[in-house]
Amino acid sequence: MAELGRDPFPCPKVRGEARRKVLRRFPYSLIYLAEPDSIEIIAVIHFSRDPKSWASRLGS
Protein backbone atom coordinates (compact mmCIF):
# COMPACT_ATOMS: atom_id res chain seq x y z
CA MET A 1 0.00 0.00 0.00
CA ALA A 2 2.99 2.30 0.24
CA GLU A 3 2.81 2.88 -3.52
CA LEU A 4 -0.65 4.40 -3.03
CA GLY A 5 0.86 6.97 -0.67
CA ARG A 6 3.62 7.81 -3.14
CA ASP A 7 1.35 8.18 -6.19
CA PRO A 8 -2.41 7.54 -5.82
CA PHE A 9 -3.38 8.75 -9.29
CA PRO A 10 -2.49 5.78 -11.59
CA CYS A 11 -5.40 3.67 -10.30
CA PRO A 12 -8.47 3.82 -12.55
CA LYS A 13 -11.47 6.00 -11.77
CA VAL A 14 -14.61 3.95 -11.17
CA ARG A 15 -17.21 6.64 -10.45
CA GLY A 16 -16.68 10.38 -10.57
CA GLU A 17 -13.35 11.00 -8.88
CA ALA A 18 -13.42 7.74 -6.89
CA ARG A 19 -10.59 5.35 -7.73
CA ARG A 20 -10.14 1.61 -7.20
CA LYS A 21 -7.00 -0.22 -6.09
CA VAL A 22 -7.15 -4.03 -6.25
CA LEU A 23 -5.55 -5.31 -3.06
CA ARG A 24 -3.06 -8.16 -2.81
CA ARG A 25 -5.54 -9.97 -0.60
CA PHE A 26 -7.74 -10.73 -3.61
CA PRO A 27 -10.76 -10.48 -3.93
CA TYR A 28 -10.81 -7.09 -2.18
CA SER A 29 -10.61 -3.58 -3.58
CA LEU A 30 -9.96 -0.24 -1.94
CA ILE A 31 -12.19 2.60 -3.12
CA TYR A 32 -10.74 6.04 -2.41
CA LEU A 33 -10.64 9.70 -3.34
CA ALA A 34 -7.22 11.18 -4.06
CA GLU A 35 -6.11 14.76 -3.61
CA PRO A 36 -2.54 16.01 -4.07
CA ASP A 37 -2.04 16.09 -0.29
CA SER A 38 -4.50 13.48 1.04
CA ILE A 39 -6.30 10.19 0.42
CA GLU A 40 -9.85 9.57 1.70
CA ILE A 41 -10.80 5.89 1.91
CA ILE A 42 -14.43 5.34 0.96
CA ALA A 43 -14.66 1.53 1.20
CA VAL A 44 -12.81 -1.76 1.33
CA ILE A 45 -15.08 -4.04 -0.62
CA HIS A 46 -15.25 -7.72 -1.61
CA PHE A 47 -15.63 -8.37 -5.35
CA SER A 48 -18.79 -10.42 -4.79
CA ARG A 49 -20.60 -7.33 -3.45
CA ASP A 50 -22.60 -5.08 -5.73
CA PRO A 51 -20.06 -2.55 -7.03
CA LYS A 52 -22.62 0.22 -6.54
CA SER A 53 -23.05 -0.53 -2.83
CA TRP A 54 -20.34 1.98 -1.84
CA ALA A 55 -21.52 4.78 -4.16
CA SER A 56 -23.83 6.33 -1.56
CA ARG A 57 -20.76 7.02 0.60
CA LEU A 58 -19.55 9.63 -1.89
CA GLY A 59 -22.24 12.05 -0.75
CA SER A 60 -23.20 13.19 -4.24
PDB file of N, CA and C in Angstrom:
ATOM      1  N   MET A   1       0.812  -1.195   0.000  1.00  0.00           N
ATOM      2  CA  MET A   1       0.000   0.000   0.000  1.00  0.00           C
ATOM      3  C   MET A   1       0.858   1.263   0.000  1.00  0.00           C
ATOM      4  N   ALA A   2       2.124   1.127   0.226  1.00  0.00           N
ATOM      5  CA  ALA A   2       2.992   2.305   0.236  1.00  0.00           C
ATOM      6  C   ALA A   2       2.984   3.013  -1.116  1.00  0.00           C
ATOM      7  N   GLU A   3       2.832   2.244  -2.198  1.00  0.00           N
ATOM      8  CA  GLU A   3       2.811   2.878  -3.516  1.00  0.00           C
ATOM      9  C   GLU A   3       1.615   3.809  -3.672  1.00  0.00           C
ATOM     10  N   LEU A   4       0.526   3.528  -2.987  1.00  0.00           N
ATOM     11  CA  LEU A   4      -0.651   4.399  -3.027  1.00  0.00           C
ATOM     12  C   LEU A   4      -0.324   5.750  -2.387  1.00  0.00           C
ATOM     13  N   GLY A   5       0.445   5.737  -1.326  1.00  0.00           N
ATOM     14  CA  GLY A   5       0.859   6.973  -0.674  1.00  0.00           C
ATOM     15  C   GLY A   5       1.822   7.783  -1.518  1.00  0.00           C
ATOM     16  N   ARG A   6       2.660   7.107  -2.277  1.00  0.00           N
ATOM     17  CA  ARG A   6       3.617   7.810  -3.138  1.00  0.00           C
ATOM     18  C   ARG A   6       2.944   8.422  -4.355  1.00  0.00           C
ATOM     19  N   ASP A   7       2.022   7.673  -4.992  1.00  0.00           N
ATOM     20  CA  ASP A   7       1.347   8.175  -6.192  1.00  0.00           C
ATOM     21  C   ASP A   7      -0.018   7.510  -6.325  1.00  0.00           C
ATOM     22  N   PRO A   8      -1.082   8.149  -5.811  1.00  0.00           N
ATOM     23  CA  PRO A   8      -2.408   7.543  -5.822  1.00  0.00           C
ATOM     24  C   PRO A   8      -3.164   7.688  -7.143  1.00  0.00           C
ATOM     25  N   PHE A   9      -2.623   8.418  -8.096  1.00  0.00           N
ATOM     26  CA  PHE A   9      -3.381   8.745  -9.295  1.00  0.00           C
ATOM     27  C   PHE A   9      -3.367   7.714 -10.420  1.00  0.00           C
ATOM     28  N   PRO A  10      -2.454   6.748 -10.492  1.00  0.00           N
ATOM     29  CA  PRO A  10      -2.489   5.777 -11.593  1.00  0.00           C
ATOM     30  C   PRO A  10      -3.674   4.803 -11.555  1.00  0.00           C
ATOM     31  N   CYS A  11      -4.270   4.598 -10.391  1.00  0.00           N
ATOM     32  CA  CYS A  11      -5.403   3.667 -10.298  1.00  0.00           C
ATOM     33  C   CYS A  11      -6.593   4.227 -11.072  1.00  0.00           C
ATOM     34  N   PRO A  12      -7.369   3.354 -11.700  1.00  0.00           N
ATOM     35  CA  PRO A  12      -8.474   3.824 -12.549  1.00  0.00           C
ATOM     36  C   PRO A  12      -9.624   4.425 -11.748  1.00  0.00           C
ATOM     37  N   LYS A  13     -10.262   5.420 -12.345  1.00  0.00           N
ATOM     38  CA  LYS A  13     -11.471   5.995 -11.767  1.00  0.00           C
ATOM     39  C   LYS A  13     -12.621   5.030 -12.032  1.00  0.00           C
ATOM     40  N   VAL A  14     -13.483   4.867 -11.024  1.00  0.00           N
ATOM     41  CA  VAL A  14     -14.612   3.954 -11.168  1.00  0.00           C
ATOM     42  C   VAL A  14     -15.952   4.674 -11.106  1.00  0.00           C
ATOM     43  N   ARG A  15     -15.992   5.831 -10.492  1.00  0.00           N
ATOM     44  CA  ARG A  15     -17.210   6.635 -10.448  1.00  0.00           C
ATOM     45  C   ARG A  15     -16.832   8.043 -10.016  1.00  0.00           C
ATOM     46  N   GLY A  16     -17.087   9.007 -10.880  1.00  0.00           N
ATOM     47  CA  GLY A  16     -16.683  10.380 -10.573  1.00  0.00           C
ATOM     48  C   GLY A  16     -15.183  10.425 -10.358  1.00  0.00           C
ATOM     49  N   GLU A  17     -14.772  10.929  -9.221  1.00  0.00           N
ATOM     50  CA  GLU A  17     -13.348  11.004  -8.876  1.00  0.00           C
ATOM     51  C   GLU A  17     -12.877   9.817  -8.040  1.00  0.00           C
ATOM     52  N   ALA A  18     -13.784   8.908  -7.690  1.00  0.00           N
ATOM     53  CA  ALA A  18     -13.417   7.739  -6.887  1.00  0.00           C
ATOM     54  C   ALA A  18     -12.556   6.783  -7.704  1.00  0.00           C
ATOM     55  N   ARG A  19     -11.516   6.273  -7.082  1.00  0.00           N
ATOM     56  CA  ARG A  19     -10.585   5.349  -7.734  1.00  0.00           C
ATOM     57  C   ARG A  19     -10.600   4.004  -7.033  1.00  0.00           C
ATOM     58  N   ARG A  20     -10.160   2.960  -7.769  1.00  0.00           N
ATOM     59  CA  ARG A  20     -10.145   1.610  -7.200  1.00  0.00           C
ATOM     60  C   ARG A  20      -8.744   1.015  -7.293  1.00  0.00           C
ATOM     61  N   LYS A  21      -8.278   0.496  -6.162  1.00  0.00           N
ATOM     62  CA  LYS A  21      -7.003  -0.221  -6.088  1.00  0.00           C
ATOM     63  C   LYS A  21      -7.322  -1.660  -5.705  1.00  0.00           C
ATOM     64  N   VAL A  22      -6.967  -2.615  -6.566  1.00  0.00           N
ATOM     65  CA  VAL A  22      -7.152  -4.027  -6.250  1.00  0.00           C
ATOM     66  C   VAL A  22      -6.067  -4.407  -5.249  1.00  0.00           C
ATOM     67  N   LEU A  23      -6.486  -4.973  -4.126  1.00  0.00           N
ATOM     68  CA  LEU A  23      -5.553  -5.313  -3.057  1.00  0.00           C
ATOM     69  C   LEU A  23      -4.909  -6.676  -3.292  1.00  0.00           C
ATOM     70  N   ARG A  24      -3.745  -6.868  -2.697  1.00  0.00           N
ATOM     71  CA  ARG A  24      -3.055  -8.155  -2.807  1.00  0.00           C
ATOM     72  C   ARG A  24      -3.893  -9.288  -2.234  1.00  0.00           C
ATOM     73  N   ARG A  25      -4.669  -8.974  -1.213  1.00  0.00           N
ATOM     74  CA  ARG A  25      -5.543  -9.975  -0.601  1.00  0.00           C
ATOM     75  C   ARG A  25      -6.804 -10.106  -1.444  1.00  0.00           C
ATOM     76  N   PHE A  26      -6.616 -10.538  -2.695  1.00  0.00           N
ATOM     77  CA  PHE A  26      -7.743 -10.727  -3.605  1.00  0.00           C
ATOM     78  C   PHE A  26      -8.780 -11.561  -2.892  1.00  0.00           C
ATOM     79  N   PRO A  27     -10.007 -11.319  -2.985  1.00  0.00           N
ATOM     80  CA  PRO A  27     -10.760 -10.484  -3.927  1.00  0.00           C
ATOM     81  C   PRO A  27     -11.265  -9.173  -3.330  1.00  0.00           C
ATOM     82  N   TYR A  28     -10.402  -8.366  -2.768  1.00  0.00           N
ATOM     83  CA  TYR A  28     -10.807  -7.094  -2.183  1.00  0.00           C
ATOM     84  C   TYR A  28     -10.266  -5.921  -2.982  1.00  0.00           C
ATOM     85  N   SER A  29     -11.028  -4.826  -2.956  1.00  0.00           N
ATOM     86  CA  SER A  29     -10.610  -3.577  -3.580  1.00  0.00           C
ATOM     87  C   SER A  29     -10.733  -2.455  -2.568  1.00  0.00           C
ATOM     88  N   LEU A  30      -9.911  -1.451  -2.745  1.00  0.00           N
ATOM     89  CA  LEU A  30      -9.956  -0.241  -1.944  1.00  0.00           C
ATOM     90  C   LEU A  30     -10.525   0.856  -2.831  1.00  0.00           C
ATOM     91  N   ILE A  31     -11.599   1.483  -2.391  1.00  0.00           N
ATOM     92  CA  ILE A  31     -12.189   2.604  -3.119  1.00  0.00           C
ATOM     93  C   ILE A  31     -11.785   3.862  -2.363  1.00  0.00           C
ATOM     94  N   TYR A  32     -11.246   4.847  -3.087  1.00  0.00           N
ATOM     95  CA  TYR A  32     -10.737   6.039  -2.412  1.00  0.00           C
ATOM     96  C   TYR A  32     -10.825   7.265  -3.296  1.00  0.00           C
ATOM     97  N   LEU A  33     -10.734   8.418  -2.659  1.00  0.00           N
ATOM     98  CA  LEU A  33     -10.642   9.703  -3.342  1.00  0.00           C
ATOM     99  C   LEU A  33      -9.231  10.230  -3.111  1.00  0.00           C
ATOM    100  N   ALA A  34      -8.599  10.703  -4.160  1.00  0.00           N
ATOM    101  CA  ALA A  34      -7.219  11.180  -4.056  1.00  0.00           C
ATOM    102  C   ALA A  34      -7.148  12.680  -4.318  1.00  0.00           C
ATOM    103  N   GLU A  35      -6.450  13.354  -3.452  1.00  0.00           N
ATOM    104  CA  GLU A  35      -6.110  14.761  -3.607  1.00  0.00           C
ATOM    105  C   GLU A  35      -4.587  14.831  -3.604  1.00  0.00           C
ATOM    106  N   PRO A  36      -4.011  15.926  -4.072  1.00  0.00           N
ATOM    107  CA  PRO A  36      -2.540  16.007  -4.068  1.00  0.00           C
ATOM    108  C   PRO A  36      -1.907  15.814  -2.694  1.00  0.00           C
ATOM    109  N   ASP A  37      -2.628  16.189  -1.628  1.00  0.00           N
ATOM    110  CA  ASP A  37      -2.036  16.087  -0.287  1.00  0.00           C
ATOM    111  C   ASP A  37      -2.776  15.148   0.662  1.00  0.00           C
ATOM    112  N   SER A  38      -3.766  14.397   0.158  1.00  0.00           N
ATOM    113  CA  SER A  38      -4.496  13.479   1.043  1.00  0.00           C
ATOM    114  C   SER A  38      -5.199  12.375   0.252  1.00  0.00           C
ATOM    115  N   ILE A  39      -5.541  11.308   0.974  1.00  0.00           N
ATOM    116  CA  ILE A  39      -6.304  10.193   0.420  1.00  0.00           C
ATOM    117  C   ILE A  39      -7.446   9.917   1.391  1.00  0.00           C
ATOM    118  N   GLU A  40      -8.678   9.876   0.874  1.00  0.00           N
ATOM    119  CA  GLU A  40      -9.846   9.569   1.703  1.00  0.00           C
ATOM    120  C   GLU A  40     -10.361   8.193   1.295  1.00  0.00           C
ATOM    121  N   ILE A  41     -10.333   7.249   2.203  1.00  0.00           N
ATOM    122  CA  ILE A  41     -10.800   5.895   1.913  1.00  0.00           C
ATOM    123  C   ILE A  41     -12.316   5.870   2.050  1.00  0.00           C
ATOM    124  N   ILE A  42     -12.977   5.414   0.999  1.00  0.00           N
ATOM    125  CA  ILE A  42     -14.427   5.337   0.961  1.00  0.00           C
ATOM    126  C   ILE A  42     -14.897   3.951   1.388  1.00  0.00           C
ATOM    127  N   ALA A  43     -14.222   2.899   0.889  1.00  0.00           N
ATOM    128  CA  ALA A  43     -14.656   1.533   1.197  1.00  0.00           C
ATOM    129  C   ALA A  43     -13.540   0.545   0.917  1.00  0.00           C
ATOM    130  N   VAL A  44     -13.572  -0.559   1.657  1.00  0.00           N
ATOM    131  CA  VAL A  44     -12.808  -1.761   1.333  1.00  0.00           C
ATOM    132  C   VAL A  44     -13.891  -2.787   1.041  1.00  0.00           C
ATOM    133  N   ILE A  45     -13.932  -3.267  -0.189  1.00  0.00           N
ATOM    134  CA  ILE A  45     -15.084  -4.044  -0.624  1.00  0.00           C
ATOM    135  C   ILE A  45     -14.677  -5.361  -1.282  1.00  0.00           C
ATOM    136  N   HIS A  46     -15.446  -6.392  -1.014  1.00  0.00           N
ATOM    137  CA  HIS A  46     -15.250  -7.717  -1.606  1.00  0.00           C
ATOM    138  C   HIS A  46     -15.836  -7.702  -3.020  1.00  0.00           C
ATOM    139  N   PHE A  47     -15.166  -8.365  -3.971  1.00  0.00           N
ATOM    140  CA  PHE A  47     -15.633  -8.368  -5.352  1.00  0.00           C
ATOM    141  C   PHE A  47     -17.020  -8.962  -5.537  1.00  0.00           C
ATOM    142  N   SER A  48     -17.467  -9.825  -4.620  1.00  0.00           N
ATOM    143  CA  SER A  48     -18.786 -10.422  -4.787  1.00  0.00           C
ATOM    144  C   SER A  48     -19.916  -9.451  -4.433  1.00  0.00           C
ATOM    145  N   ARG A  49     -19.597  -8.336  -3.788  1.00  0.00           N
ATOM    146  CA  ARG A  49     -20.599  -7.328  -3.453  1.00  0.00           C
ATOM    147  C   ARG A  49     -20.973  -6.524  -4.683  1.00  0.00           C
ATOM    148  N   ASP A  50     -22.152  -5.963  -4.646  1.00  0.00           N
ATOM    149  CA  ASP A  50     -22.596  -5.085  -5.730  1.00  0.00           C
ATOM    150  C   ASP A  50     -21.644  -3.895  -5.792  1.00  0.00           C
ATOM    151  N   PRO A  51     -21.035  -3.647  -6.948  1.00  0.00           N
ATOM    152  CA  PRO A  51     -20.060  -2.547  -7.033  1.00  0.00           C
ATOM    153  C   PRO A  51     -20.668  -1.180  -6.769  1.00  0.00           C
ATOM    154  N   LYS A  52     -21.973  -1.069  -6.810  1.00  0.00           N
ATOM    155  CA  LYS A  52     -22.620   0.221  -6.538  1.00  0.00           C
ATOM    156  C   LYS A  52     -22.922   0.420  -5.060  1.00  0.00           C
ATOM    157  N   SER A  53     -22.683  -0.606  -4.233  1.00  0.00           N
ATOM    158  CA  SER A  53     -23.055  -0.528  -2.826  1.00  0.00           C
ATOM    159  C   SER A  53     -22.294   0.562  -2.070  1.00  0.00           C
ATOM    160  N   TRP A  54     -21.132   0.967  -2.506  1.00  0.00           N
ATOM    161  CA  TRP A  54     -20.340   1.982  -1.838  1.00  0.00           C
ATOM    162  C   TRP A  54     -20.624   3.379  -2.371  1.00  0.00           C
ATOM    163  N   ALA A  55     -21.333   3.493  -3.497  1.00  0.00           N
ATOM    164  CA  ALA A  55     -21.518   4.783  -4.163  1.00  0.00           C
ATOM    165  C   ALA A  55     -22.227   5.810  -3.283  1.00  0.00           C
ATOM    166  N   SER A  56     -23.128   5.374  -2.416  1.00  0.00           N
ATOM    167  CA  SER A  56     -23.832   6.327  -1.562  1.00  0.00           C
ATOM    168  C   SER A  56     -22.895   7.017  -0.569  1.00  0.00           C
ATOM    169  N   ARG A  57     -21.738   6.447  -0.342  1.00  0.00           N
ATOM    170  CA  ARG A  57     -20.763   7.019   0.597  1.00  0.00           C
ATOM    171  C   ARG A  57     -20.066   8.252   0.041  1.00  0.00           C
ATOM    172  N   LEU A  58     -20.199   8.472  -1.273  1.00  0.00           N
ATOM    173  CA  LEU A  58     -19.550   9.634  -1.888  1.00  0.00           C
ATOM    174  C   LEU A  58     -20.260  10.942  -1.551  1.00  0.00           C
ATOM    175  N   GLY A  59     -21.518  10.848  -1.147  1.00  0.00           N
ATOM    176  CA  GLY A  59     -22.240  12.050  -0.749  1.00  0.00           C
ATOM    177  C   GLY A  59     -22.726  12.898  -1.894  1.00  0.00           C
ATOM    178  N   SER A  60     -22.671  12.400  -3.119  1.00  0.00           N
ATOM    179  CA  SER A  60     -23.196  13.188  -4.235  1.00  0.00           C
ATOM    180  C   SER A  60     -24.141  12.392  -5.059  1.00  0.00           C
TER     181      SER A  60
END
